[in-house]
Amino acid sequence: LIGWKYKLSNIEYCKPISYLPLGWGIRLRPGAILFNVSGTKAI
């Protein structure tokens, strides 16, 4: 029911990041939306 699609041609850049964990699932962060299942690392 809830989903997002992004075309590769619409991606400007990709970089690795680390963040403070706030649980699992879809989370809103300042200036970002996080899709998280575990850990503290993301792109």
All heavy atoms as atom14 arrays in JSON, in Angstrom:
{
  "sequence": "LIGWKYKLSNIEYCKPISYLPLGWGIRLRPGAILFNVSGTKAI",
  "atom14_mask": [
    [1, 1, 1, 1, 1, 1, 1, 1, 0, 0, 0, 0, 0, 0],
    [1, 1, 1, 1, 1, 1, 1, 1, 0, 0, 0, 0, 0, 0],
    [1, 1, 1, 1, 0, 0, 0, 0, 0, 0, 0, 0, 0, 0],
    [1, 1, 1, 1, 1, 1, 1, 1, 1, 1, 1, 1, 1, 1],
    [1, 1, 1, 1, 1, 1, 1, 1, 1, 0, 0, 0, 0, 0],
    [1, 1, 1, 1, 1, 1, 1, 1, 1, 1, 1, 1, 0, 0],
    [1, 1, 1, 1, 1, 1, 1, 1, 1, 0, 0, 0, 0, 0],
    [1, 1, 1, 1, 1, 1, 1, 1, 0, 0, 0, 0, 0, 0],
    [1, 1, 1, 1, 1, 1, 0, 0, 0, 0, 0, 0, 0, 0],
    [1, 1, 1, 1, 1, 1, 1, 1, 0, 0, 0, 0, 0, 0],
    [1, 1, 1, 1, 1, 1, 1, 1, 0, 0, 0, 0, 0, 0],
    [1, 1, 1, 1, 1, 1, 1, 1, 1, 0, 0, 0, 0, 0],
    [1, 1, 1, 1, 1, 1, 1, 1, 1, 1, 1, 1, 0, 0],
    [1, 1, 1, 1, 1, 1, 0, 0, 0, 0, 0, 0, 0, 0],
    [1, 1, 1, 1, 1, 1, 1, 1, 1, 0, 0, 0, 0, 0],
    [1, 1, 1, 1, 1, 1, 1, 0, 0, 0, 0, 0, 0, 0],
    [1, 1, 1, 1, 1, 1, 1, 1, 0, 0, 0, 0, 0, 0],
    [1, 1, 1, 1, 1, 1, 0, 0, 0, 0, 0, 0, 0, 0],
    [1, 1, 1, 1, 1, 1, 1, 1, 1, 1, 1, 1, 0, 0],
    [1, 1, 1, 1, 1, 1, 1, 1, 0, 0, 0, 0, 0, 0],
    [1, 1, 1, 1, 1, 1, 1, 0, 0, 0, 0, 0, 0, 0],
    [1, 1, 1, 1, 1, 1, 1, 1, 0, 0, 0, 0, 0, 0],
    [1, 1, 1, 1, 0, 0, 0, 0, 0, 0, 0, 0, 0, 0],
    [1, 1, 1, 1, 1, 1, 1, 1, 1, 1, 1, 1, 1, 1],
    [1, 1, 1, 1, 0, 0, 0, 0, 0, 0, 0, 0, 0, 0],
    [1, 1, 1, 1, 1, 1, 1, 1, 0, 0, 0, 0, 0, 0],
    [1, 1, 1, 1, 1, 1, 1, 1, 1, 1, 1, 0, 0, 0],
    [1, 1, 1, 1, 1, 1, 1, 1, 0, 0, 0, 0, 0, 0],
    [1, 1, 1, 1, 1, 1, 1, 1, 1, 1, 1, 0, 0, 0],
    [1, 1, 1, 1, 1, 1, 1, 0, 0, 0, 0, 0, 0, 0],
    [1, 1, 1, 1, 0, 0, 0, 0, 0, 0, 0, 0, 0, 0],
    [1, 1, 1, 1, 1, 0, 0, 0, 0, 0, 0, 0, 0, 0],
    [1, 1, 1, 1, 1, 1, 1, 1, 0, 0, 0, 0, 0, 0],
    [1, 1, 1, 1, 1, 1, 1, 1, 0, 0, 0, 0, 0, 0],
    [1, 1, 1, 1, 1, 1, 1, 1, 1, 1, 1, 0, 0, 0],
    [1, 1, 1, 1, 1, 1, 1, 1, 0, 0, 0, 0, 0, 0],
    [1, 1, 1, 1, 1, 1, 1, 0, 0, 0, 0, 0, 0, 0],
    [1, 1, 1, 1, 1, 1, 0, 0, 0, 0, 0, 0, 0, 0],
    [1, 1, 1, 1, 0, 0, 0, 0, 0, 0, 0, 0, 0, 0],
    [1, 1, 1, 1, 1, 1, 1, 0, 0, 0, 0, 0, 0, 0],
    [1, 1, 1, 1, 1, 1, 1, 1, 1, 0, 0, 0, 0, 0],
    [1, 1, 1, 1, 1, 0, 0, 0, 0, 0, 0, 0, 0, 0],
    [1, 1, 1, 1, 1, 1, 1, 1, 0, 0, 0, 0, 0, 0]
  ],
  "atom14_positions": [
    [[0.81, -1.22, 0.0], [0.0, 0.0, 0.0], [0.84, 1.27, 0.0], [0.49, 2.25, -0.62], [-0.94, 0.02, 1.2], [-2.02, -1.06, 1.23], [-2.81, -0.96, 2.52], [-2.94, -0.95, 0.03], [0.0, 0.0, 0.0], [0.0, 0.0, 0.0], [0.0, 0.0, 0.0], [0.0, 0.0, 0.0], [0.0, 0.0, 0.0], [0.0, 0.0, 0.0]],
    [[1.94, 1.24, 0.73], [2.84, 2.4, 0.81], [4.15, 2.02, 0.16], [4.76, 1.01, 0.53], [3.09, 2.82, 2.27], [1.77, 3.17, 2.95], [4.06, 3.98, 2.33], [1.89, 3.4, 4.43], [0.0, 0.0, 0.0], [0.0, 0.0, 0.0], [0.0, 0.0, 0.0], [0.0, 0.0, 0.0], [0.0, 0.0, 0.0], [0.0, 0.0, 0.0]],
    [[4.59, 2.79, -0.83], [5.84, 2.46, -1.49], [6.37, 3.64, -2.3], [5.65, 4.57, -2.59], [0.0, 0.0, 0.0], [0.0, 0.0, 0.0], [0.0, 0.0, 0.0], [0.0, 0.0, 0.0], [0.0, 0.0, 0.0], [0.0, 0.0, 0.0], [0.0, 0.0, 0.0], [0.0, 0.0, 0.0], [0.0, 0.0, 0.0], [0.0, 0.0, 0.0]],
    [[7.65, 3.58, -2.61], [8.31, 4.6, -3.39], [9.13, 3.95, -4.48], [9.75, 2.91, -4.26], [9.24, 5.43, -2.51], [8.56, 6.32, -1.55], [8.27, 7.63, -1.72], [8.06, 5.97, -0.25], [7.64, 8.12, -0.62], [7.49, 7.12, 0.31], [8.03, 4.81, 0.49], [6.91, 7.14, 1.56], [7.44, 4.82, 1.73], [6.9, 5.98, 2.25]],
    [[9.16, 4.58, -5.63], [10.0, 4.13, -6.74], [10.87, 5.31, -7.18], [10.39, 6.43, -7.27], [9.16, 3.68, -7.93], [8.37, 2.43, -7.69], [7.59, 2.06, -8.94], [6.74, 0.85, -8.71], [6.02, 0.43, -9.92], [0.0, 0.0, 0.0], [0.0, 0.0, 0.0], [0.0, 0.0, 0.0], [0.0, 0.0, 0.0], [0.0, 0.0, 0.0]],
    [[12.13, 5.03, -7.45], [13.04, 6.04, -7.95], [13.77, 5.49, -9.16], [14.37, 4.42, -9.1], [14.06, 6.45, -6.88], [13.42, 7.0, -5.64], [13.35, 6.25, -4.48], [12.86, 8.27, -5.65], [12.75, 6.76, -3.34], [12.26, 8.78, -4.51], [12.21, 8.02, -3.36], [11.61, 8.52, -2.24], [0.0, 0.0, 0.0], [0.0, 0.0, 0.0]],
    [[13.73, 6.22, -10.26], [14.48, 5.83, -11.44], [15.95, 6.16, -11.22], [16.28, 7.17, -10.61], [13.98, 6.56, -12.68], [12.61, 6.16, -13.12], [12.22, 6.88, -14.38], [10.86, 6.43, -14.86], [10.5, 7.08, -16.12], [0.0, 0.0, 0.0], [0.0, 0.0, 0.0], [0.0, 0.0, 0.0], [0.0, 0.0, 0.0], [0.0, 0.0, 0.0]],
    [[16.81, 5.31, -11.73], [18.24, 5.53, -11.6], [18.64, 6.87, -12.21], [19.5, 7.57, -11.69], [19.01, 4.39, -12.26], [20.49, 4.32, -12.02], [20.81, 4.22, -10.54], [21.11, 3.16, -12.77], [0.0, 0.0, 0.0], [0.0, 0.0, 0.0], [0.0, 0.0, 0.0], [0.0, 0.0, 0.0], [0.0, 0.0, 0.0], [0.0, 0.0, 0.0]],
    [[17.98, 7.26, -13.29], [18.3, 8.53, -13.94], [17.93, 9.75, -13.09], [18.4, 10.85, -13.36], [17.59, 8.61, -15.3], [16.18, 8.55, -15.13], [0.0, 0.0, 0.0], [0.0, 0.0, 0.0], [0.0, 0.0, 0.0], [0.0, 0.0, 0.0], [0.0, 0.0, 0.0], [0.0, 0.0, 0.0], [0.0, 0.0, 0.0], [0.0, 0.0, 0.0]],
    [[17.1, 9.56, -12.06], [16.71, 10.67, -11.18], [17.59, 10.79, -9.94], [17.42, 11.71, -9.16], [15.25, 10.53, -10.76], [14.3, 10.82, -11.89], [14.65, 11.47, -12.87], [13.09, 10.33, -11.78], [0.0, 0.0, 0.0], [0.0, 0.0, 0.0], [0.0, 0.0, 0.0], [0.0, 0.0, 0.0], [0.0, 0.0, 0.0], [0.0, 0.0, 0.0]],
    [[18.51, 9.87, -9.74], [19.4, 9.92, -8.58], [20.59, 10.81, -8.91], [21.28, 10.59, -9.9], [19.85, 8.51, -8.17], [18.64, 7.69, -7.73], [20.89, 8.58, -7.06], [18.95, 6.25, -7.42], [0.0, 0.0, 0.0], [0.0, 0.0, 0.0], [0.0, 0.0, 0.0], [0.0, 0.0, 0.0], [0.0, 0.0, 0.0], [0.0, 0.0, 0.0]],
    [[20.8, 11.84, -8.08], [21.92, 12.76, -8.29], [23.22, 12.21, -7.72], [24.27, 12.34, -8.32], [21.6, 14.11, -7.66], [20.44, 14.82, -8.34], [20.07, 16.11, -7.67], [20.3, 16.27, -6.44], [19.54, 16.99, -8.37], [0.0, 0.0, 0.0], [0.0, 0.0, 0.0], [0.0, 0.0, 0.0], [0.0, 0.0, 0.0], [0.0, 0.0, 0.0]],
    [[23.16, 11.65, -6.51], [24.34, 11.05, -5.91], [23.93, 10.03, -4.85], [22.79, 10.0, -4.41], [25.28, 12.09, -5.3], [24.76, 12.76, -4.05], [24.86, 12.14, -2.81], [24.18, 14.02, -4.1], [24.38, 12.76, -1.66], [23.71, 14.64, -2.97], [23.81, 14.0, -1.75], [23.33, 14.6, -0.62], [0.0, 0.0, 0.0], [0.0, 0.0, 0.0]],
    [[24.89, 9.21, -4.46], [24.71, 8.21, -3.42], [25.97, 8.22, -2.57], [27.08, 8.25, -3.11], [24.5, 6.84, -4.06], [24.42, 5.49, -2.87], [0.0, 0.0, 0.0], [0.0, 0.0, 0.0], [0.0, 0.0, 0.0], [0.0, 0.0, 0.0], [0.0, 0.0, 0.0], [0.0, 0.0, 0.0], [0.0, 0.0, 0.0], [0.0, 0.0, 0.0]],
    [[25.81, 8.2, -1.24], [26.98, 8.14, -0.37], [26.65, 7.36, 0.9], [25.49, 7.34, 1.34], [27.49, 9.54, -0.02], [26.55, 10.34, 0.87], [27.15, 11.69, 1.2], [26.23, 12.46, 2.15], [26.79, 13.75, 2.51], [0.0, 0.0, 0.0], [0.0, 0.0, 0.0], [0.0, 0.0, 0.0], [0.0, 0.0, 0.0], [0.0, 0.0, 0.0]],
    [[27.65, 6.7, 1.5], [27.42, 5.97, 2.74], [27.34, 6.94, 3.92], [28.02, 7.97, 3.94], [28.64, 5.06, 2.86], [29.68, 5.7, 2.02], [28.98, 6.5, 0.96], [0.0, 0.0, 0.0], [0.0, 0.0, 0.0], [0.0, 0.0, 0.0], [0.0, 0.0, 0.0], [0.0, 0.0, 0.0], [0.0, 0.0, 0.0], [0.0, 0.0, 0.0]],
    [[26.48, 6.62, 4.9], [26.35, 7.45, 6.09], [26.16, 6.56, 7.32], [25.87, 5.38, 7.2], [25.15, 8.43, 6.0], [23.84, 7.66, 5.82], [25.34, 9.43, 4.87], [22.6, 8.52, 6.02], [0.0, 0.0, 0.0], [0.0, 0.0, 0.0], [0.0, 0.0, 0.0], [0.0, 0.0, 0.0], [0.0, 0.0, 0.0], [0.0, 0.0, 0.0]],
    [[26.31, 7.15, 8.5], [25.97, 6.52, 9.77], [24.99, 7.44, 10.48], [25.01, 8.65, 10.29], [27.21, 6.34, 10.64], [28.11, 5.44, 10.03], [0.0, 0.0, 0.0], [0.0, 0.0, 0.0], [0.0, 0.0, 0.0], [0.0, 0.0, 0.0], [0.0, 0.0, 0.0], [0.0, 0.0, 0.0], [0.0, 0.0, 0.0], [0.0, 0.0, 0.0]],
    [[24.13, 6.86, 11.32], [23.11, 7.66, 12.02], [22.82, 7.03, 13.38], [23.19, 5.87, 13.64], [21.83, 7.74, 11.18], [21.22, 6.4, 10.89], [20.28, 5.84, 11.74], [21.61, 5.67, 9.77], [19.74, 4.59, 11.49], [21.07, 4.43, 9.51], [20.13, 3.9, 10.37], [19.61, 2.66, 10.12], [0.0, 0.0, 0.0], [0.0, 0.0, 0.0]],
    [[22.15, 7.77, 14.24], [21.72, 7.24, 15.52], [20.42, 6.46, 15.31], [19.48, 6.98, 14.7], [21.48, 8.37, 16.52], [22.73, 9.16, 16.91], [22.34, 10.35, 17.78], [23.71, 8.28, 17.64], [0.0, 0.0, 0.0], [0.0, 0.0, 0.0], [0.0, 0.0, 0.0], [0.0, 0.0, 0.0], [0.0, 0.0, 0.0], [0.0, 0.0, 0.0]],
    [[20.35, 5.23, 15.81], [19.15, 4.41, 15.57], [17.94, 4.92, 16.34], [18.06, 5.38, 17.46], [19.57, 3.03, 16.07], [20.65, 3.28, 17.06], [21.36, 4.52, 16.6], [0.0, 0.0, 0.0], [0.0, 0.0, 0.0], [0.0, 0.0, 0.0], [0.0, 0.0, 0.0], [0.0, 0.0, 0.0], [0.0, 0.0, 0.0], [0.0, 0.0, 0.0]],
    [[16.79, 4.85, 15.69], [15.52, 5.23, 16.33], [14.46, 4.15, 16.14], [13.28, 4.43, 16.11], [15.01, 6.55, 15.72], [15.8, 7.79, 16.04], [15.26, 8.98, 15.27], [15.77, 8.1, 17.53], [0.0, 0.0, 0.0], [0.0, 0.0, 0.0], [0.0, 0.0, 0.0], [0.0, 0.0, 0.0], [0.0, 0.0, 0.0], [0.0, 0.0, 0.0]],
    [[14.88, 2.92, 15.98], [13.93, 1.83, 15.78], [13.9, 1.4, 14.33], [14.64, 1.88, 13.49], [0.0, 0.0, 0.0], [0.0, 0.0, 0.0], [0.0, 0.0, 0.0], [0.0, 0.0, 0.0], [0.0, 0.0, 0.0], [0.0, 0.0, 0.0], [0.0, 0.0, 0.0], [0.0, 0.0, 0.0], [0.0, 0.0, 0.0], [0.0, 0.0, 0.0]],
    [[13.02, 0.45, 14.03], [12.91, -0.11, 12.7], [11.74, 0.49, 11.95], [10.8, 0.99, 12.54], [12.71, -1.61, 12.78], [13.85, -2.34, 13.4], [15.09, -1.84, 13.73], [13.87, -3.7, 13.78], [15.86, -2.82, 14.28], [15.13, -3.98, 14.32], [12.95, -4.73, 13.71], [15.49, -5.23, 14.8], [13.31, -5.98, 14.19], [14.56, -6.22, 14.71]],
    [[11.79, 0.41, 10.63], [10.68, 0.87, 9.8], [11.01, 2.13, 9.05], [12.16, 2.48, 8.85], [0.0, 0.0, 0.0], [0.0, 0.0, 0.0], [0.0, 0.0, 0.0], [0.0, 0.0, 0.0], [0.0, 0.0, 0.0], [0.0, 0.0, 0.0], [0.0, 0.0, 0.0], [0.0, 0.0, 0.0], [0.0, 0.0, 0.0], [0.0, 0.0, 0.0]],
    [[9.98, 2.84, 8.66], [10.12, 4.1, 7.94], [10.13, 5.22, 8.96], [9.2, 5.35, 9.76], [8.98, 4.28, 6.92], [8.98, 3.13, 5.92], [9.1, 5.63, 6.21], [7.76, 3.1, 5.03], [0.0, 0.0, 0.0], [0.0, 0.0, 0.0], [0.0, 0.0, 0.0], [0.0, 0.0, 0.0], [0.0, 0.0, 0.0], [0.0, 0.0, 0.0]],
    [[11.16, 6.02, 8.95], [11.33, 7.1, 9.93], [11.59, 8.42, 9.22], [12.34, 8.46, 8.24], [12.52, 6.81, 10.85], [12.43, 5.53, 11.6], [11.55, 5.73, 12.82], [11.57, 4.52, 13.63], [10.49, 3.88, 13.99], [9.31, 4.31, 13.61], [10.56, 2.81, 14.74], [0.0, 0.0, 0.0], [0.0, 0.0, 0.0], [0.0, 0.0, 0.0]],
    [[11.02, 9.47, 9.73], [11.32, 10.82, 9.23], [12.44, 11.4, 10.07], [12.38, 11.36, 11.3], [10.09, 11.72, 9.29], [8.97, 11.34, 8.34], [7.76, 12.25, 8.57], [9.42, 11.42, 6.9], [0.0, 0.0, 0.0], [0.0, 0.0, 0.0], [0.0, 0.0, 0.0], [0.0, 0.0, 0.0], [0.0, 0.0, 0.0], [0.0, 0.0, 0.0]],
    [[13.45, 11.89, 9.42], [14.58, 12.54, 10.06], [14.63, 13.97, 9.54], [14.05, 14.27, 8.49], [15.88, 11.82, 9.69], [15.92, 10.32, 9.99], [15.96, 10.05, 11.46], [17.21, 10.53, 11.99], [18.01, 9.82, 12.76], [17.69, 8.62, 13.1], [19.13, 10.34, 13.22], [0.0, 0.0, 0.0], [0.0, 0.0, 0.0], [0.0, 0.0, 0.0]],
    [[15.34, 14.88, 10.2], [15.45, 16.23, 9.67], [16.08, 16.21, 8.27], [17.22, 15.8, 8.1], [16.36, 16.94, 10.67], [16.21, 16.17, 11.93], [15.97, 14.74, 11.51], [0.0, 0.0, 0.0], [0.0, 0.0, 0.0], [0.0, 0.0, 0.0], [0.0, 0.0, 0.0], [0.0, 0.0, 0.0], [0.0, 0.0, 0.0], [0.0, 0.0, 0.0]],
    [[15.31, 16.56, 7.27], [15.8, 16.63, 5.9], [15.9, 15.3, 5.18], [16.43, 15.23, 4.08], [0.0, 0.0, 0.0], [0.0, 0.0, 0.0], [0.0, 0.0, 0.0], [0.0, 0.0, 0.0], [0.0, 0.0, 0.0], [0.0, 0.0, 0.0], [0.0, 0.0, 0.0], [0.0, 0.0, 0.0], [0.0, 0.0, 0.0], [0.0, 0.0, 0.0]],
    [[15.39, 14.21, 5.8], [15.52, 12.89, 5.17], [14.4, 11.95, 5.61], [13.78, 12.16, 6.65], [16.87, 12.27, 5.53], [0.0, 0.0, 0.0], [0.0, 0.0, 0.0], [0.0, 0.0, 0.0], [0.0, 0.0, 0.0], [0.0, 0.0, 0.0], [0.0, 0.0, 0.0], [0.0, 0.0, 0.0], [0.0, 0.0, 0.0], [0.0, 0.0, 0.0]],
    [[14.16, 10.94, 4.8], [13.28, 9.83, 5.16], [14.14, 8.58, 5.2], [14.94, 8.34, 4.29], [12.09, 9.7, 4.2], [11.14, 8.61, 4.69], [12.53, 9.45, 2.79], [9.79, 8.6, 3.99], [0.0, 0.0, 0.0], [0.0, 0.0, 0.0], [0.0, 0.0, 0.0], [0.0, 0.0, 0.0], [0.0, 0.0, 0.0], [0.0, 0.0, 0.0]],
    [[14.03, 7.8, 6.28], [14.88, 6.64, 6.5], [14.06, 5.36, 6.39], [13.01, 5.23, 7.02], [15.5, 6.72, 7.9], [16.2, 5.48, 8.45], [17.42, 5.13, 7.62], [16.59, 5.7, 9.91], [0.0, 0.0, 0.0], [0.0, 0.0, 0.0], [0.0, 0.0, 0.0], [0.0, 0.0, 0.0], [0.0, 0.0, 0.0], [0.0, 0.0, 0.0]],
    [[14.55, 4.43, 5.57], [13.99, 3.08, 5.48], [14.99, 2.18, 6.21], [16.09, 1.95, 5.71], [13.85, 2.64, 4.03], [12.89, 3.48, 3.25], [13.34, 4.59, 2.57], [11.55, 3.17, 3.21], [12.46, 5.38, 1.84], [10.66, 3.95, 2.48], [11.12, 5.05, 1.8], [0.0, 0.0, 0.0], [0.0, 0.0, 0.0], [0.0, 0.0, 0.0]],
    [[14.62, 1.68, 7.4], [15.58, 0.99, 8.25], [15.02, -0.33, 8.75], [13.85, -0.41, 9.11], [15.92, 1.88, 9.44], [16.94, 1.26, 10.34], [17.82, 0.56, 9.89], [16.81, 1.52, 11.63], [0.0, 0.0, 0.0], [0.0, 0.0, 0.0], [0.0, 0.0, 0.0], [0.0, 0.0, 0.0], [0.0, 0.0, 0.0], [0.0, 0.0, 0.0]],
    [[15.87, -1.37, 8.78], [15.48, -2.63, 9.39], [16.38, -2.98, 10.57], [15.94, -3.65, 11.49], [15.48, -3.79, 8.36], [14.34, -3.63, 7.4], [16.79, -3.89, 7.64], [0.0, 0.0, 0.0], [0.0, 0.0, 0.0], [0.0, 0.0, 0.0], [0.0, 0.0, 0.0], [0.0, 0.0, 0.0], [0.0, 0.0, 0.0], [0.0, 0.0, 0.0]],
    [[17.62, -2.55, 10.57], [18.5, -2.76, 11.71], [19.79, -1.97, 11.51], [20.08, -1.53, 10.41], [18.83, -4.24, 11.89], [19.63, -4.68, 10.82], [0.0, 0.0, 0.0], [0.0, 0.0, 0.0], [0.0, 0.0, 0.0], [0.0, 0.0, 0.0], [0.0, 0.0, 0.0], [0.0, 0.0, 0.0], [0.0, 0.0, 0.0], [0.0, 0.0, 0.0]],
    [[20.54, -1.81, 12.57], [21.86, -1.19, 12.47], [21.84, 0.32, 12.47], [20.82, 0.96, 12.7], [0.0, 0.0, 0.0], [0.0, 0.0, 0.0], [0.0, 0.0, 0.0], [0.0, 0.0, 0.0], [0.0, 0.0, 0.0], [0.0, 0.0, 0.0], [0.0, 0.0, 0.0], [0.0, 0.0, 0.0], [0.0, 0.0, 0.0], [0.0, 0.0, 0.0]],
    [[23.02, 0.87, 12.19], [23.21, 2.33, 12.21], [23.88, 2.83, 10.94], [24.42, 3.93, 10.92], [24.06, 2.74, 13.41], [25.35, 2.12, 13.29], [23.42, 2.35, 14.72], [0.0, 0.0, 0.0], [0.0, 0.0, 0.0], [0.0, 0.0, 0.0], [0.0, 0.0, 0.0], [0.0, 0.0, 0.0], [0.0, 0.0, 0.0], [0.0, 0.0, 0.0]],
    [[23.87, 2.02, 9.89], [24.51, 2.4, 8.64], [23.48, 2.45, 7.53], [22.51, 1.71, 7.54], [25.61, 1.41, 8.27], [26.74, 1.36, 9.26], [27.76, 0.34, 8.84], [28.87, 0.23, 9.86], [29.83, -0.81, 9.47], [0.0, 0.0, 0.0], [0.0, 0.0, 0.0], [0.0, 0.0, 0.0], [0.0, 0.0, 0.0], [0.0, 0.0, 0.0]],
    [[23.73, 3.33, 6.56], [22.79, 3.49, 5.45], [23.5, 4.13, 4.27], [24.65, 4.54, 4.37], [21.61, 4.36, 5.87], [0.0, 0.0, 0.0], [0.0, 0.0, 0.0], [0.0, 0.0, 0.0], [0.0, 0.0, 0.0], [0.0, 0.0, 0.0], [0.0, 0.0, 0.0], [0.0, 0.0, 0.0], [0.0, 0.0, 0.0], [0.0, 0.0, 0.0]],
    [[22.78, 4.21, 3.15], [23.23, 5.04, 2.04], [22.27, 6.22, 1.96], [21.11, 6.11, 2.33], [23.26, 4.27, 0.7], [21.89, 3.7, 0.34], [24.34, 3.23, 0.7], [21.78, 3.2, -1.08], [0.0, 0.0, 0.0], [0.0, 0.0, 0.0], [0.0, 0.0, 0.0], [0.0, 0.0, 0.0], [0.0, 0.0, 0.0], [0.0, 0.0, 0.0]]
  ]
}
